[in-house]
Amino acid sequence: MIRDNQKVFNRLHLMMDALITAFSYALAYYVKFYVLKAGPEPGDLPARNYFLMLVGIVPLYMVLYYKCNVYTPKRTARRRHEIMSVFQANAIGIVAFILFLYVVIKEINFSRSMMFLFFCFNVFFTGCSRVVLRKSLQTMRSKGYNLKHIILVGYSRAAEEYIDRILENPQWGYVVCGILDEHVPRGAVYKGIKVLGSIGNLEFILPENKMDEIAITLPLKDYDRLEEIVGVCEKAGVHTKFIPDYNSLVPTHPYTEDLMGLPVINIRHVPLTNTMNVMTKRVMDIVGSIFGIIITSPLMLLIALLIKYTSPGPVIFKQERIGLHNKPFDMYKFRTMEVQSPKEERKAWTIRNDPRVTPFGRFLRKTSLDELPQLFNILKGDMSLVGPRPERPLFVEKFKEEIPRYMVKHQVRPGLTGWAQVSGLRGDTSIRKRIDYDIYYIENWTLGFDIKIMLMTLFTGFINKNAY
């Protein structure tokens, strides 16, 4: 059992961070005044003035680490999230330090380069300590130490998915000791985890104090027992978590609002509903589309001449697509097919070796060069550099009836490229899988994610076996 050791571990963690912060500060001072220089000069502040600041810096950084969730349990957290929390706390800390020096006490002679070195050293050494600590704990858990023993209350889809993830990630150090359920017979097994008995046995198991956690994984039909089970667990003082059995309804990142003490769950978290995020993405779209148009204009001119030379008809093909908030717009492409009547053009989905595609058009489609005119759609605001690909109205009507959550993709601007496309889901591939990738992008959008997708498009996304 590790429950009693957690407080001691957290205190040791805090002490280690305090020592690293003090060491990083002292190292920054040494590098600034004894490595980069031959020593303090007459105009420099005395060393005492610098080191007195540690009295406030160390407690401040420990508070910031706590506020930035550096000390929350990290068994299942991704490493990059932990490092980002450290970076965020240090960024806030150095800004607060600068404001204190230059605004509050008006000490303008304090070395700016030393503060920069302190920031870099502290992020580096604290980040390294987190990596070393994580690796050490994972090694301990692989040898059977520092494990958390859990029992699941309720057999459901949520229980199976929870067991799947625990078995796939032994480094987390979770051990599922069994399942309690009223409807599944005792002795039934799921991937080595047995049903030990009914939920009523919980009152006899908890007093033995052998469980670190209780995970409530009730099926939807048994939610009327939720309050009773939580009461039993809290009476025993055991840590309890609730894993809802409605994953198909509520996505990975729902968020809550406090309505005068009443928690309200918002079904879907869409970062691009935030005004600052929308403005940031739009600025990147404008700058990126202008840059793209300038860089590719000679290529687009050459493509236009070749289209005109190889096939009679217009150079640019306009097609109605559905965009942000279900609003239609005309999407531009270089024409890659023989000219058709609007009725013929609307009725068919492009297939492999489609006879309507011209020889040069096939090359344009294979290399995705036919999409270049959409840079003008991006500049107009109809589209974004990155986002779910837009679809024609008749297919939108069809798919929204057949595929759950299909219309979620219209909560953001459609994109020239997207997470589904750089993952190989183009052409005649699974629409359902494509939507899963689109929704993942919508719920997990960051500026860094957009940059990653654009880089993947540059290096791997233009030529694709599924593009035709």
Protein backbone atom coordinates (compact mmCIF):
# COMPACT_ATOMS: atom_id res chain seq x y z
CA MET A 1 0.00 0.00 0.00
CA ILE A 2 1.39 3.38 -0.97
CA ARG A 3 -1.35 5.64 0.31
CA ASP A 4 0.52 6.57 3.50
CA ASN A 5 3.76 7.27 1.63
CA GLN A 6 2.29 9.84 -0.77
CA LYS A 7 2.58 12.80 1.61
CA VAL A 8 6.22 11.97 2.37
CA PHE A 9 6.93 11.63 -1.36
CA ASN A 10 5.30 14.99 -2.11
CA ARG A 11 7.40 16.71 0.59
CA LEU A 12 10.60 15.20 -0.79
CA HIS A 13 9.51 16.32 -4.25
CA LEU A 14 9.01 19.88 -2.98
CA MET A 15 12.41 19.91 -1.25
CA MET A 16 14.10 18.64 -4.42
CA ASP A 17 12.49 21.40 -6.50
CA ALA A 18 13.50 24.03 -3.95
CA LEU A 19 17.13 22.83 -4.05
CA ILE A 20 17.13 22.77 -7.86
CA THR A 21 15.75 26.32 -8.00
CA ALA A 22 18.41 27.59 -5.57
CA PHE A 23 21.14 25.68 -7.43
CA SER A 24 20.00 27.04 -10.83
CA TYR A 25 20.06 30.57 -9.47
CA ALA A 26 23.54 30.16 -7.96
CA LEU A 27 24.80 28.55 -11.18
CA ALA A 28 23.37 31.43 -13.25
CA TYR A 29 25.22 33.90 -11.00
CA TYR A 30 28.48 31.94 -11.33
CA VAL A 31 28.25 31.60 -15.11
CA LYS A 32 27.37 35.27 -15.55
CA PHE A 33 30.08 36.74 -13.32
CA TYR A 34 32.86 34.11 -13.36
CA VAL A 35 32.56 32.23 -16.69
CA LEU A 36 31.38 34.92 -19.08
CA LYS A 37 33.37 37.57 -17.17
CA ALA A 38 36.57 37.61 -15.11
CA GLY A 39 34.54 38.42 -12.00
CA PRO A 40 32.21 41.13 -10.68
CA GLU A 41 33.13 44.63 -11.82
CA PRO A 42 32.88 47.88 -9.80
CA GLY A 43 29.51 48.80 -11.35
CA ASP A 44 27.89 45.43 -10.57
CA LEU A 45 25.58 44.87 -7.62
CA PRO A 46 27.14 43.05 -4.66
CA ALA A 47 26.63 39.26 -4.51
CA ARG A 48 24.63 39.77 -1.29
CA ASN A 49 21.95 41.70 -3.22
CA TYR A 50 21.59 38.83 -5.66
CA PHE A 51 21.39 36.02 -3.13
CA LEU A 52 18.97 37.85 -0.84
CA MET A 53 16.45 37.46 -3.65
CA LEU A 54 16.45 33.69 -3.10
CA VAL A 55 14.46 34.25 0.10
CA GLY A 56 11.48 35.21 -2.06
CA ILE A 57 12.27 33.34 -5.28
CA VAL A 58 12.27 29.80 -3.86
CA PRO A 59 8.86 30.05 -2.09
CA LEU A 60 7.41 31.88 -5.12
CA TYR A 61 8.46 29.10 -7.49
CA MET A 62 7.12 26.38 -5.22
CA VAL A 63 3.74 28.14 -5.15
CA LEU A 64 3.84 28.53 -8.95
CA TYR A 65 4.67 24.82 -9.40
CA TYR A 66 1.67 23.97 -7.26
CA LYS A 67 -0.63 26.36 -9.15
CA CYS A 68 0.59 25.04 -12.52
CA ASN A 69 -0.22 21.46 -11.48
CA VAL A 70 3.40 20.30 -11.34
CA TYR A 71 2.59 18.34 -8.16
CA THR A 72 -0.57 16.62 -9.35
CA PRO A 73 -0.22 12.80 -9.72
CA LYS A 74 1.68 12.00 -12.91
CA ARG A 75 1.19 8.25 -13.31
CA THR A 76 -0.94 8.63 -16.42
CA ALA A 77 0.16 12.12 -17.53
CA ARG A 78 2.23 12.49 -20.68
CA ARG A 79 5.81 13.64 -20.23
CA ARG A 80 5.41 16.69 -22.46
CA HIS A 81 2.50 17.95 -20.35
CA GLU A 82 4.64 17.75 -17.22
CA ILE A 83 7.52 19.60 -18.89
CA MET A 84 5.10 22.24 -20.20
CA SER A 85 3.80 22.78 -16.65
CA VAL A 86 7.39 23.35 -15.46
CA PHE A 87 8.02 25.77 -18.36
CA GLN A 88 4.78 27.64 -17.68
CA ALA A 89 5.57 28.07 -13.97
CA ASN A 90 9.09 29.32 -14.76
CA ALA A 91 7.82 31.75 -17.40
CA ILE A 92 5.34 33.25 -14.93
CA GLY A 93 8.03 33.29 -12.24
CA ILE A 94 10.61 35.16 -14.30
CA VAL A 95 8.03 37.75 -15.42
CA ALA A 96 6.97 38.28 -11.78
CA PHE A 97 10.64 38.58 -10.79
CA ILE A 98 11.30 41.21 -13.48
CA LEU A 99 8.22 43.22 -12.50
CA PHE A 100 9.28 43.12 -8.84
CA LEU A 101 12.79 44.34 -9.70
CA TYR A 102 11.93 47.09 -12.17
CA VAL A 103 8.51 48.25 -10.99
CA VAL A 104 8.29 47.57 -7.24
CA ILE A 105 11.84 48.15 -5.94
CA LYS A 106 13.13 49.89 -9.11
CA GLU A 107 16.42 47.99 -9.14
CA ILE A 108 17.50 48.55 -12.75
CA ASN A 109 21.09 47.35 -12.28
CA PHE A 110 20.13 43.73 -11.72
CA SER A 111 21.71 41.60 -14.49
CA ARG A 112 19.20 40.72 -17.20
CA SER A 113 21.44 38.04 -18.70
CA MET A 114 21.72 36.38 -15.29
CA MET A 115 17.92 36.23 -15.05
CA PHE A 116 17.77 34.66 -18.51
CA LEU A 117 20.39 32.08 -17.52
CA PHE A 118 18.44 31.30 -14.34
CA PHE A 119 15.28 30.73 -16.36
CA CYS A 120 17.06 28.37 -18.79
CA PHE A 121 18.92 26.45 -16.09
CA ASN A 122 15.87 26.04 -13.89
CA VAL A 123 13.65 24.77 -16.72
CA PHE A 124 16.40 22.39 -17.87
CA PHE A 125 17.35 20.93 -14.48
CA THR A 126 13.76 20.72 -13.19
CA GLY A 127 12.68 19.10 -16.45
CA CYS A 128 15.56 16.61 -16.27
CA SER A 129 14.69 15.78 -12.67
CA ARG A 130 11.12 15.00 -13.75
CA VAL A 131 12.35 12.68 -16.50
CA VAL A 132 14.76 10.89 -14.14
CA LEU A 133 12.08 10.60 -11.44
CA ARG A 134 9.54 9.24 -13.92
CA LYS A 135 12.01 6.65 -15.23
CA SER A 136 12.98 5.63 -11.69
CA LEU A 137 9.35 5.14 -10.66
CA GLN A 138 8.63 3.16 -13.82
CA THR A 139 11.59 0.87 -13.05
CA MET A 140 10.34 0.39 -9.49
CA ARG A 141 6.85 -0.45 -10.74
CA SER A 142 8.18 -2.96 -13.25
CA LYS A 143 9.77 -4.76 -10.27
CA GLY A 144 6.55 -4.80 -8.28
CA TYR A 145 7.08 -1.74 -6.06
CA ASN A 146 5.06 1.50 -5.79
CA LEU A 147 1.94 -0.17 -7.20
CA LYS A 148 -1.63 1.03 -6.74
CA HIS A 149 -4.18 -1.71 -6.14
CA ILE A 150 -7.65 -1.00 -7.50
CA ILE A 151 -11.00 -2.73 -7.52
CA LEU A 152 -13.65 -1.88 -10.10
CA VAL A 153 -17.27 -1.50 -9.04
CA GLY A 154 -19.51 -2.37 -11.97
CA TYR A 155 -18.92 -4.32 -15.18
CA SER A 156 -19.45 -2.09 -18.24
CA ARG A 157 -17.84 -0.87 -21.44
CA ALA A 158 -16.06 1.72 -19.30
CA ALA A 159 -14.63 -1.08 -17.10
CA GLU A 160 -13.31 -2.97 -20.13
CA GLU A 161 -11.76 0.17 -21.65
CA TYR A 162 -10.17 1.07 -18.31
CA ILE A 163 -8.67 -2.42 -17.95
CA ASP A 164 -7.41 -2.26 -21.56
CA ARG A 165 -5.53 0.98 -20.91
CA ILE A 166 -4.03 -0.24 -17.64
CA LEU A 167 -2.79 -3.47 -19.22
CA GLU A 168 -1.34 -1.52 -22.17
CA ASN A 169 0.54 0.84 -19.81
CA PRO A 170 2.22 -1.17 -17.02
CA GLN A 171 4.49 1.84 -16.32
CA TRP A 172 1.51 3.49 -14.61
CA GLY A 173 1.81 0.97 -11.79
CA TYR A 174 -1.89 0.10 -11.48
CA VAL A 175 -3.02 -3.39 -10.52
CA VAL A 176 -6.70 -4.25 -10.99
CA CYS A 177 -7.51 -6.78 -8.28
CA GLY A 178 -11.01 -7.61 -9.53
CA ILE A 179 -14.51 -6.46 -10.43
CA LEU A 180 -17.70 -6.33 -8.39
CA ASP A 181 -20.98 -6.57 -10.28
CA GLU A 182 -24.57 -7.67 -9.78
CA HIS A 183 -25.31 -8.89 -13.29
CA VAL A 184 -22.15 -10.79 -14.31
CA PRO A 185 -21.63 -14.16 -12.58
CA ARG A 186 -18.80 -14.58 -10.10
CA GLY A 187 -15.70 -16.08 -11.71
CA ALA A 188 -16.24 -14.45 -15.12
CA VAL A 189 -12.95 -13.15 -16.52
CA TYR A 190 -11.99 -10.23 -18.76
CA LYS A 191 -8.32 -10.30 -19.85
CA GLY A 192 -7.28 -12.00 -16.64
CA ILE A 193 -9.38 -9.79 -14.32
CA LYS A 194 -12.04 -11.77 -12.43
CA VAL A 195 -15.48 -10.81 -11.23
CA LEU A 196 -15.11 -11.38 -7.47
CA GLY A 197 -18.73 -11.04 -6.42
CA SER A 198 -21.59 -8.59 -6.09
CA ILE A 199 -21.36 -4.86 -5.34
CA GLY A 200 -22.61 -5.63 -1.84
CA ASN A 201 -19.23 -7.24 -1.08
CA LEU A 202 -17.70 -3.75 -1.15
CA GLU A 203 -18.70 -3.21 2.51
CA PHE A 204 -16.60 -6.24 3.51
CA ILE A 205 -13.61 -5.49 1.26
CA LEU A 206 -13.07 -1.85 2.26
CA PRO A 207 -12.55 -2.39 6.03
CA GLU A 208 -9.59 -4.68 5.23
CA ASN A 209 -7.77 -1.51 3.97
CA LYS A 210 -5.97 -3.33 1.15
CA MET A 211 -7.16 -1.14 -1.73
CA ASP A 212 -5.51 2.14 -2.74
CA GLU A 213 -8.38 3.18 -5.00
CA ILE A 214 -11.92 2.28 -5.94
CA ALA A 215 -12.91 2.91 -9.57
CA ILE A 216 -16.67 3.14 -10.08
CA THR A 217 -17.38 1.75 -13.56
CA LEU A 218 -21.12 1.14 -13.31
CA PRO A 219 -23.15 0.50 -16.46
CA LEU A 220 -25.71 3.20 -17.26
CA LYS A 221 -28.61 1.06 -16.03
CA ASP A 222 -27.14 0.97 -12.48
CA TYR A 223 -26.52 4.70 -12.03
CA ASP A 224 -29.27 4.84 -9.42
CA ARG A 225 -26.76 3.11 -7.06
CA LEU A 226 -24.02 5.67 -7.62
CA GLU A 227 -24.77 7.80 -4.55
CA GLU A 228 -24.94 4.71 -2.33
CA ILE A 229 -21.56 3.38 -3.55
CA VAL A 230 -19.81 6.75 -3.23
CA GLY A 231 -21.14 6.99 0.35
CA VAL A 232 -19.74 3.55 1.25
CA CYS A 233 -16.33 4.40 -0.24
CA GLU A 234 -16.07 7.78 1.46
CA LYS A 235 -17.10 6.30 4.77
CA ALA A 236 -14.09 3.98 4.48
CA GLY A 237 -11.85 6.91 3.51
CA VAL A 238 -10.58 5.28 0.32
CA HIS A 239 -9.75 7.34 -2.75
CA THR A 240 -12.60 6.96 -5.25
CA LYS A 241 -12.72 7.79 -8.96
CA PHE A 242 -15.69 7.66 -11.30
CA ILE A 243 -15.31 6.43 -14.89
CA PRO A 244 -18.56 7.21 -16.74
CA ASP A 245 -20.08 4.65 -19.09
CA TYR A 246 -21.03 7.17 -21.74
CA ASN A 247 -17.81 7.60 -23.67
CA SER A 248 -19.75 7.51 -26.93
CA LEU A 249 -21.66 10.62 -25.83
CA VAL A 250 -19.11 12.66 -23.88
CA PRO A 251 -15.73 13.23 -25.58
CA THR A 252 -12.22 13.11 -24.14
CA HIS A 253 -12.16 16.72 -22.91
CA PRO A 254 -15.56 17.85 -21.61
CA TYR A 255 -15.42 20.92 -19.40
CA THR A 256 -17.54 22.09 -16.49
CA GLU A 257 -19.03 25.41 -15.51
CA ASP A 258 -20.01 26.45 -12.00
CA LEU A 259 -23.59 27.73 -12.15
CA MET A 260 -23.87 29.14 -8.61
CA GLY A 261 -22.68 25.88 -7.10
CA LEU A 262 -24.30 23.62 -9.71
CA PRO A 263 -21.73 21.87 -11.93
CA VAL A 264 -22.72 22.00 -15.60
CA ILE A 265 -20.92 19.65 -18.02
CA ASN A 266 -20.35 21.01 -21.50
CA ILE A 267 -20.38 18.04 -23.85
CA ARG A 268 -17.55 19.16 -26.11
CA HIS A 269 -14.50 21.33 -25.49
CA VAL A 270 -13.62 23.25 -28.66
CA PRO A 271 -10.50 25.43 -28.12
CA LEU A 272 -11.33 27.43 -31.26
CA THR A 273 -14.39 28.94 -29.61
CA ASN A 274 -11.93 31.01 -27.56
CA THR A 275 -11.59 34.50 -29.07
CA MET A 276 -7.83 34.68 -28.61
CA ASN A 277 -7.34 31.28 -30.22
CA VAL A 278 -9.56 32.25 -33.16
CA MET A 279 -7.63 35.50 -33.67
CA THR A 280 -4.26 33.72 -33.46
CA LYS A 281 -5.30 31.11 -36.00
CA ARG A 282 -6.78 33.72 -38.35
CA VAL A 283 -3.60 35.81 -38.28
CA MET A 284 -1.59 32.70 -39.12
CA ASP A 285 -4.01 31.92 -41.96
CA ILE A 286 -3.71 35.40 -43.47
CA VAL A 287 0.07 35.51 -43.23
CA GLY A 288 0.42 31.90 -44.41
CA SER A 289 -1.94 32.28 -47.37
CA ILE A 290 -0.27 35.52 -48.59
CA PHE A 291 3.16 33.90 -48.28
CA GLY A 292 1.89 30.76 -50.05
CA ILE A 293 0.34 32.74 -52.91
CA ILE A 294 3.56 34.72 -53.47
CA ILE A 295 5.80 31.63 -53.34
CA THR A 296 3.61 29.41 -55.54
CA SER A 297 2.42 32.04 -58.04
CA PRO A 298 4.94 31.00 -60.78
CA LEU A 299 3.91 27.35 -60.29
CA MET A 300 0.20 28.23 -60.39
CA LEU A 301 0.71 30.20 -63.58
CA LEU A 302 2.49 27.22 -65.18
CA ILE A 303 -0.28 24.83 -64.08
CA ALA A 304 -2.93 27.18 -65.50
CA LEU A 305 -1.19 27.25 -68.90
CA LEU A 306 -0.83 23.45 -68.96
CA ILE A 307 -4.50 22.92 -68.07
CA LYS A 308 -5.51 25.29 -70.86
CA TYR A 309 -3.19 23.51 -73.29
CA THR A 310 -4.17 19.92 -72.42
CA SER A 311 -7.95 20.23 -71.97
CA PRO A 312 -10.62 22.68 -73.21
CA GLY A 313 -12.51 24.54 -70.51
CA PRO A 314 -11.89 26.88 -67.57
CA VAL A 315 -8.69 26.72 -65.51
CA ILE A 316 -10.37 27.13 -62.12
CA PHE A 317 -13.12 24.79 -60.97
CA LYS A 318 -15.56 26.14 -58.37
CA GLN A 319 -17.62 23.78 -56.27
CA GLU A 320 -20.03 24.46 -53.42
CA ARG A 321 -18.84 23.11 -50.09
CA ILE A 322 -20.13 23.39 -46.51
CA GLY A 323 -17.94 25.36 -44.13
CA LEU A 324 -17.96 26.94 -40.68
CA HIS A 325 -21.37 26.85 -38.95
CA ASN A 326 -22.82 24.86 -41.90
CA LYS A 327 -22.55 27.85 -44.26
CA PRO A 328 -21.96 27.07 -47.97
CA PHE A 329 -19.10 28.63 -49.91
CA ASP A 330 -17.44 28.19 -53.30
CA MET A 331 -14.18 26.25 -52.99
CA TYR A 332 -11.55 26.80 -55.71
CA LYS A 333 -9.45 24.09 -57.34
CA PHE A 334 -7.52 23.71 -60.55
CA ARG A 335 -9.77 21.83 -62.95
CA THR A 336 -8.66 18.18 -63.20
CA MET A 337 -11.67 16.68 -65.04
CA GLU A 338 -13.29 17.04 -68.39
CA VAL A 339 -15.97 19.73 -68.39
CA GLN A 340 -19.32 18.30 -67.22
CA SER A 341 -22.80 19.61 -66.79
CA PRO A 342 -23.63 20.69 -63.22
CA LYS A 343 -26.05 17.75 -62.92
CA GLU A 344 -23.39 15.20 -63.89
CA GLU A 345 -20.76 16.81 -61.68
CA ARG A 346 -22.96 16.70 -58.57
CA LYS A 347 -24.05 13.09 -58.79
CA ALA A 348 -20.75 11.21 -58.49
CA TRP A 349 -17.98 10.70 -55.95
CA THR A 350 -14.49 10.55 -57.48
CA ILE A 351 -13.17 6.99 -57.59
CA ARG A 352 -9.83 5.38 -58.43
CA ASN A 353 -9.08 5.53 -62.18
CA ASP A 354 -12.08 7.81 -62.67
CA PRO A 355 -12.52 8.23 -66.49
CA ARG A 356 -13.58 11.85 -66.04
CA VAL A 357 -10.09 12.83 -64.80
CA THR A 358 -7.70 14.17 -67.45
CA PRO A 359 -4.11 12.80 -67.67
CA PHE A 360 -2.65 16.07 -66.40
CA GLY A 361 -5.47 16.29 -63.86
CA ARG A 362 -4.45 12.89 -62.50
CA PHE A 363 -0.94 14.24 -61.88
CA LEU A 364 -2.36 17.33 -60.14
CA ARG A 365 -4.58 15.21 -57.91
CA LYS A 366 -1.78 12.77 -57.05
CA THR A 367 0.50 15.62 -56.00
CA SER A 368 -2.33 17.71 -54.44
CA LEU A 369 -1.30 20.68 -56.60
CA ASP A 370 -4.94 21.05 -57.67
CA GLU A 371 -5.63 22.39 -54.15
CA LEU A 372 -3.34 25.45 -54.45
CA PRO A 373 -6.13 27.93 -55.43
CA GLN A 374 -7.66 27.29 -52.00
CA LEU A 375 -5.02 29.69 -50.68
CA PHE A 376 -7.40 32.38 -51.95
CA ASN A 377 -10.28 30.73 -50.00
CA ILE A 378 -8.09 30.97 -46.91
CA LEU A 379 -7.31 34.64 -47.54
CA LYS A 380 -11.06 35.34 -47.95
CA GLY A 381 -11.86 33.60 -44.66
CA ASP A 382 -13.84 30.68 -46.09
CA MET A 383 -11.13 28.22 -45.10
CA SER A 384 -8.09 27.80 -42.85
CA LEU A 385 -4.62 26.42 -43.52
CA VAL A 386 -5.45 23.48 -41.24
CA GLY A 387 -8.83 21.97 -40.46
CA PRO A 388 -11.28 19.23 -41.51
CA ARG A 389 -11.69 19.00 -45.27
CA PRO A 390 -15.01 20.50 -46.48
CA GLU A 391 -17.60 18.35 -48.24
CA ARG A 392 -20.33 18.92 -50.81
CA PRO A 393 -23.87 19.63 -49.53
CA LEU A 394 -25.41 16.37 -50.80
CA PHE A 395 -22.75 14.28 -49.04
CA VAL A 396 -23.09 16.35 -45.86
CA GLU A 397 -26.82 15.54 -45.83
CA LYS A 398 -26.03 11.86 -46.40
CA PHE A 399 -23.23 11.50 -43.86
CA LYS A 400 -24.93 13.40 -41.05
CA GLU A 401 -27.68 10.76 -41.02
CA GLU A 402 -25.25 7.83 -41.20
CA ILE A 403 -22.29 8.90 -39.05
CA PRO A 404 -22.70 10.05 -35.44
CA ARG A 405 -20.99 13.37 -34.66
CA TYR A 406 -20.36 14.08 -38.35
CA MET A 407 -21.60 17.67 -38.06
CA VAL A 408 -19.14 18.46 -35.25
CA LYS A 409 -16.51 19.15 -37.95
CA HIS A 410 -18.43 22.29 -38.95
CA GLN A 411 -17.68 23.94 -35.59
CA VAL A 412 -14.35 25.11 -37.08
CA ARG A 413 -13.26 26.44 -40.47
CA PRO A 414 -12.46 23.73 -43.02
CA GLY A 415 -8.82 23.40 -43.96
CA LEU A 416 -6.49 23.12 -46.93
CA THR A 417 -4.92 20.18 -45.04
CA GLY A 418 -5.93 18.35 -41.90
CA TRP A 419 -5.00 15.72 -39.32
CA ALA A 420 -6.96 13.05 -41.19
CA GLN A 421 -5.27 13.89 -44.51
CA VAL A 422 -1.68 13.75 -43.21
CA SER A 423 -2.60 10.47 -41.51
CA GLY A 424 -3.39 8.93 -44.93
CA LEU A 425 -7.19 9.26 -44.84
CA ARG A 426 -7.83 10.68 -48.29
CA GLY A 427 -9.82 9.63 -51.32
CA ASP A 428 -11.92 6.49 -50.96
CA THR A 429 -11.02 5.80 -47.32
CA SER A 430 -13.25 5.34 -44.27
CA ILE A 431 -15.38 8.43 -43.68
CA ARG A 432 -16.05 7.30 -40.09
CA LYS A 433 -12.35 7.07 -39.33
CA ARG A 434 -11.77 10.42 -41.01
CA ILE A 435 -14.39 12.01 -38.75
CA ASP A 436 -12.71 10.49 -35.67
CA TYR A 437 -9.45 12.19 -36.70
CA ASP A 438 -11.26 15.47 -37.42
CA ILE A 439 -12.94 15.46 -34.02
CA TYR A 440 -9.63 14.67 -32.31
CA TYR A 441 -8.15 17.71 -34.04
CA ILE A 442 -11.08 19.93 -33.05
CA GLU A 443 -10.93 18.90 -29.39
CA ASN A 444 -7.13 19.05 -29.12
CA TRP A 445 -6.32 22.11 -31.23
CA THR A 446 -3.21 24.08 -30.40
CA LEU A 447 -1.04 26.35 -32.52
CA GLY A 448 1.72 23.76 -32.20
CA PHE A 449 -0.63 21.04 -33.51
CA ASP A 450 -1.38 23.20 -36.59
CA ILE A 451 2.35 23.72 -37.22
CA LYS A 452 2.96 19.97 -36.87
CA ILE A 453 0.24 19.19 -39.45
CA MET A 454 1.61 21.78 -41.88
CA LEU A 455 5.13 20.33 -41.58
CA MET A 456 3.75 16.82 -42.10
CA THR A 457 1.93 18.12 -45.19
CA LEU A 458 5.14 19.61 -46.57
CA PHE A 459 7.19 16.45 -46.05
CA THR A 460 4.67 13.63 -46.42
CA GLY A 461 1.23 14.95 -47.29
CA PHE A 462 1.41 16.13 -50.91
CA ILE A 463 1.94 12.79 -52.62
CA ASN A 464 -0.43 10.16 -51.26
CA LYS A 465 -1.49 6.77 -52.60
CA ASN A 466 -5.12 7.52 -51.69
CA ALA A 467 -5.24 10.79 -53.63
CA TYR A 468 -6.88 10.36 -57.05
